[in-house]
């Protein structure tokens, strides 16, 4: 999305602490890597006015895209897909991370017919693996997916390559570099911290060691 949108969304995420930055005491991810950024966009659910703005930006992002169904990713993409489908008066489905192991063993919940144009809604793009898997899951069930739209991306090169290889266009409302710049303007980090934080997504697995944290 455009610079104004990206900055506005970044400010919203920072204001409600959906995204937090901490260079002095980096976060340890489940994968073991250290990171100066932590994202929990689920917090948007608890701020009606903020989430309405996010949905307006989602609606703007899809206005020129031909779509028949809005699809949320399990689980964080589901509420945003629901609000967007309500706003656009479009059917909604959601895609599971893996098929249920009982009953009909559904991967897709909701009605999807072969060839229907689907836009996948995601909350966060990190390495892109789970998001691309969701896109492929919808395709495997007969849906046509050309776009995945997310609130935020860490702007990792790996994610960029995965989306290119899957022939799916990724649109994000905001991104890592914009958010770090907005955080500096808001006084949440110093200019020196900004420079060091911006090095993270270039080499996430080695960032902690290169910065002297391990």
Protein backbone atom coordinates (compact mmCIF):
# COMPACT_ATOMS: atom_id res chain seq x y z
CA UNK A 1 0.00 0.00 0.00
CA UNK A 2 0.98 3.66 -0.33
CA UNK A 3 3.25 5.46 2.09
CA UNK A 4 0.47 7.32 3.89
CA UNK A 5 -1.47 4.12 4.51
CA UNK A 6 1.64 2.24 5.62
CA UNK A 7 2.53 4.98 8.11
CA UNK A 8 -1.02 5.25 9.46
CA UNK A 9 -1.28 1.50 9.98
CA UNK A 10 2.18 1.41 11.59
CA UNK A 11 1.12 4.13 14.01
CA UNK A 12 -2.05 2.21 14.90
CA UNK A 13 -0.09 -0.97 15.58
CA UNK A 14 2.45 0.87 17.73
CA UNK A 15 -0.19 2.81 19.67
CA UNK A 16 -1.96 -0.36 20.85
CA UNK A 17 1.29 -2.34 21.24
CA UNK A 18 0.23 -4.85 18.59
CA UNK A 19 3.80 -4.43 17.38
CA UNK A 20 6.53 -3.67 19.90
CA UNK A 21 10.22 -2.89 19.43
CA UNK A 22 12.90 -3.57 22.01
CA UNK A 23 16.54 -3.36 20.98
CA UNK A 24 17.88 -3.43 24.54
CA UNK A 25 16.17 -6.74 25.35
CA UNK A 26 15.34 -8.59 22.11
CA UNK A 27 12.56 -11.17 21.95
CA UNK A 28 13.36 -14.87 21.69
CA UNK A 29 11.17 -16.52 19.04
CA UNK A 30 10.05 -20.15 19.20
CA UNK A 31 12.55 -20.87 16.43
CA UNK A 32 15.32 -19.74 18.77
CA UNK A 33 16.31 -16.57 16.94
CA UNK A 34 16.52 -13.19 18.66
CA UNK A 35 14.47 -10.33 17.29
CA UNK A 36 14.02 -6.65 18.18
CA UNK A 37 10.39 -6.80 17.01
CA UNK A 38 7.34 -8.70 18.22
CA UNK A 39 4.01 -8.67 16.43
CA UNK A 40 0.60 -9.61 17.89
CA UNK A 41 -2.06 -8.16 15.60
CA UNK A 42 -4.73 -10.12 17.48
CA UNK A 43 -4.82 -7.14 19.83
CA UNK A 44 -6.69 -5.24 17.12
CA UNK A 45 -9.79 -7.26 18.01
CA UNK A 46 -10.03 -5.34 21.28
CA UNK A 47 -9.96 -1.87 19.68
CA UNK A 48 -13.12 -1.37 17.57
CA UNK A 49 -12.23 2.03 16.14
CA UNK A 50 -8.70 0.96 15.24
CA UNK A 51 -9.81 -2.28 13.61
CA UNK A 52 -12.45 -0.41 11.58
CA UNK A 53 -9.65 1.66 10.05
CA UNK A 54 -7.71 -1.49 9.24
CA UNK A 55 -10.76 -2.99 7.51
CA UNK A 56 -11.23 0.23 5.53
CA UNK A 57 -7.64 -0.11 4.34
CA UNK A 58 -8.28 -3.76 3.44
CA UNK A 59 -11.34 -2.70 1.45
CA UNK A 60 -9.27 -0.10 -0.38
CA UNK A 61 -6.63 -2.73 -1.16
CA UNK A 62 -9.12 -5.08 -2.84
CA UNK A 63 -11.33 -2.52 -4.60
CA UNK A 64 -9.78 -3.19 -8.02
CA UNK A 65 -9.43 -6.95 -7.54
CA UNK A 66 -12.01 -9.33 -8.93
CA UNK A 67 -13.07 -11.53 -6.05
CA UNK A 68 -15.97 -13.73 -5.09
CA UNK A 69 -14.91 -14.98 -1.67
CA UNK A 70 -12.89 -13.62 1.26
CA UNK A 71 -10.75 -16.26 2.96
CA UNK A 72 -9.21 -15.92 6.41
CA UNK A 73 -6.20 -17.91 7.58
CA UNK A 74 -6.45 -19.94 10.78
CA UNK A 75 -6.57 -18.38 13.23
CA UNK A 76 -5.41 -14.76 13.22
CA UNK A 77 -6.74 -13.94 9.76
CA UNK A 78 -10.28 -15.10 10.52
CA UNK A 79 -11.66 -12.02 12.36
CA UNK A 80 -10.30 -9.60 9.75
CA UNK A 81 -11.72 -11.72 6.93
CA UNK A 82 -15.08 -11.76 8.72
CA UNK A 83 -15.20 -7.98 9.14
CA UNK A 84 -14.08 -7.43 5.55
CA UNK A 85 -16.61 -9.87 4.11
CA UNK A 86 -19.33 -8.10 6.11
CA UNK A 87 -18.24 -4.70 4.81
CA UNK A 88 -18.09 -5.89 1.19
CA UNK A 89 -21.14 -8.17 1.50
CA UNK A 90 -19.11 -11.10 0.19
CA UNK A 91 -19.14 -14.77 1.20
CA UNK A 92 -16.40 -15.89 3.58
CA UNK A 93 -14.47 -19.09 4.16
CA UNK A 94 -11.43 -19.92 6.22
CA UNK A 95 -8.55 -22.28 5.59
CA UNK A 96 -7.11 -24.50 8.31
CA UNK A 97 -3.41 -25.04 8.90
CA UNK A 98 -4.12 -28.72 8.34
CA UNK A 99 -7.23 -30.74 7.65
CA UNK A 100 -9.33 -31.88 10.59
CA UNK A 101 -8.56 -35.42 11.62
CA UNK A 102 -12.22 -36.30 12.16
CA UNK A 103 -15.67 -35.90 10.61
CA UNK A 104 -15.41 -34.61 7.03
CA UNK A 105 -11.73 -33.79 7.60
CA UNK A 106 -12.24 -30.33 6.12
CA UNK A 107 -9.30 -28.12 5.18
CA UNK A 108 -11.68 -25.35 4.10
CA UNK A 109 -14.59 -24.28 6.29
CA UNK A 110 -17.46 -22.66 4.41
CA UNK A 111 -18.66 -23.11 0.84
CA UNK A 112 -16.09 -22.98 -1.95
CA UNK A 113 -16.88 -23.94 -5.51
CA UNK A 114 -14.32 -24.82 -8.16
CA UNK A 115 -12.92 -21.81 -9.98
CA UNK A 116 -14.22 -19.16 -7.58
CA UNK A 117 -11.92 -16.16 -7.18
CA UNK A 118 -10.60 -16.00 -3.61
CA UNK A 119 -8.55 -13.37 -1.79
CA UNK A 120 -6.66 -14.67 1.24
CA UNK A 121 -6.50 -12.40 4.29
CA UNK A 122 -3.54 -12.75 6.65
CA UNK A 123 -2.51 -10.76 9.73
CA UNK A 124 1.29 -11.14 9.54
CA UNK A 125 3.83 -12.24 6.95
CA UNK A 126 7.11 -13.45 8.45
CA UNK A 127 8.93 -16.09 6.38
CA UNK A 128 5.78 -16.53 4.30
CA UNK A 129 5.66 -20.31 4.68
CA UNK A 130 2.30 -20.65 6.44
CA UNK A 131 0.68 -17.95 4.29
CA UNK A 132 1.75 -19.55 1.02
CA UNK A 133 0.59 -22.92 2.39
CA UNK A 134 -2.84 -21.35 3.03
CA UNK A 135 -2.97 -20.03 -0.53
CA UNK A 136 -2.04 -23.45 -1.88
CA UNK A 137 -4.60 -25.09 0.38
CA UNK A 138 -7.38 -23.01 -1.17
CA UNK A 139 -6.07 -23.77 -4.66
CA UNK A 140 -5.97 -27.49 -3.88
CA UNK A 141 -9.66 -27.29 -2.98
CA UNK A 142 -10.52 -25.69 -6.32
CA UNK A 143 -10.31 -21.98 -5.54
CA UNK A 144 -8.46 -19.46 -7.72
CA UNK A 145 -6.09 -17.33 -5.63
CA UNK A 146 -4.03 -14.52 -7.13
CA UNK A 147 -3.73 -12.25 -4.09
CA UNK A 148 -2.88 -12.50 -0.41
CA UNK A 149 -3.41 -9.33 1.61
CA UNK A 150 -1.90 -8.89 5.06
CA UNK A 151 -1.78 -6.23 7.75
CA UNK A 152 1.97 -6.35 8.24
CA UNK A 153 5.14 -7.89 6.83
CA UNK A 154 8.64 -8.29 8.22
CA UNK A 155 9.85 -7.79 4.63
CA UNK A 156 11.98 -10.92 4.66
CA UNK A 157 13.56 -11.91 1.36
CA UNK A 158 12.46 -15.50 1.94
CA UNK A 159 8.80 -14.46 1.98
CA UNK A 160 9.21 -12.42 -1.19
CA UNK A 161 10.69 -15.41 -3.01
CA UNK A 162 8.01 -17.81 -1.76
CA UNK A 163 5.19 -15.60 -3.01
CA UNK A 164 6.91 -15.13 -6.36
CA UNK A 165 7.42 -18.89 -6.71
CA UNK A 166 3.77 -19.53 -5.83
CA UNK A 167 2.63 -16.97 -8.41
CA UNK A 168 0.63 -15.08 -5.76
CA UNK A 169 0.76 -11.31 -5.39
CA UNK A 170 1.31 -10.09 -1.82
CA UNK A 171 -0.17 -6.77 -0.72
CA UNK A 172 0.50 -5.52 2.80
CA UNK A 173 -0.98 -2.52 4.60
CA UNK A 174 2.28 -1.75 6.39
CA UNK A 175 5.79 -3.11 6.72
CA UNK A 176 8.87 -3.47 8.90
CA UNK A 177 10.94 -0.56 7.56
CA UNK A 178 8.01 1.89 7.70
CA UNK A 179 7.10 0.86 11.23
CA UNK A 180 10.66 1.28 12.50
CA UNK A 181 10.80 4.78 11.01
CA UNK A 182 7.43 5.70 12.54
CA UNK A 183 8.59 4.33 15.91
CA UNK A 184 11.58 6.69 15.81
CA UNK A 185 9.31 9.65 14.99
CA UNK A 186 7.10 8.69 17.94
CA UNK A 187 10.13 8.61 20.26
CA UNK A 188 9.87 4.89 20.94
CA UNK A 189 13.42 4.19 19.73
CA UNK A 190 16.53 6.27 19.13
CA UNK A 191 18.11 6.92 15.75
CA UNK A 192 20.99 4.58 16.64
CA UNK A 193 18.57 1.82 17.70
CA UNK A 194 16.68 2.33 14.44
CA UNK A 195 19.82 1.63 12.41
CA UNK A 196 20.55 -1.56 14.34
CA UNK A 197 16.94 -2.77 14.28
CA UNK A 198 16.75 -2.29 10.50
CA UNK A 199 19.57 -4.83 10.15
CA UNK A 200 17.40 -7.61 11.60
CA UNK A 201 15.34 -8.76 8.63
CA UNK A 202 18.40 -8.86 6.37
CA UNK A 203 19.80 -11.77 8.42
CA UNK A 204 17.37 -12.77 11.21
CA UNK A 205 19.17 -15.95 12.25
CA UNK A 206 22.50 -14.15 12.79
CA UNK A 207 21.27 -10.75 13.98
CA UNK A 208 21.50 -11.59 17.70
CA UNK A 209 25.11 -12.72 17.39
CA UNK A 210 26.11 -9.82 15.14
CA UNK A 211 24.65 -7.34 17.62
CA UNK A 212 26.50 -8.98 20.53
CA UNK A 213 23.50 -10.52 22.31
CA UNK A 214 24.76 -14.09 22.01
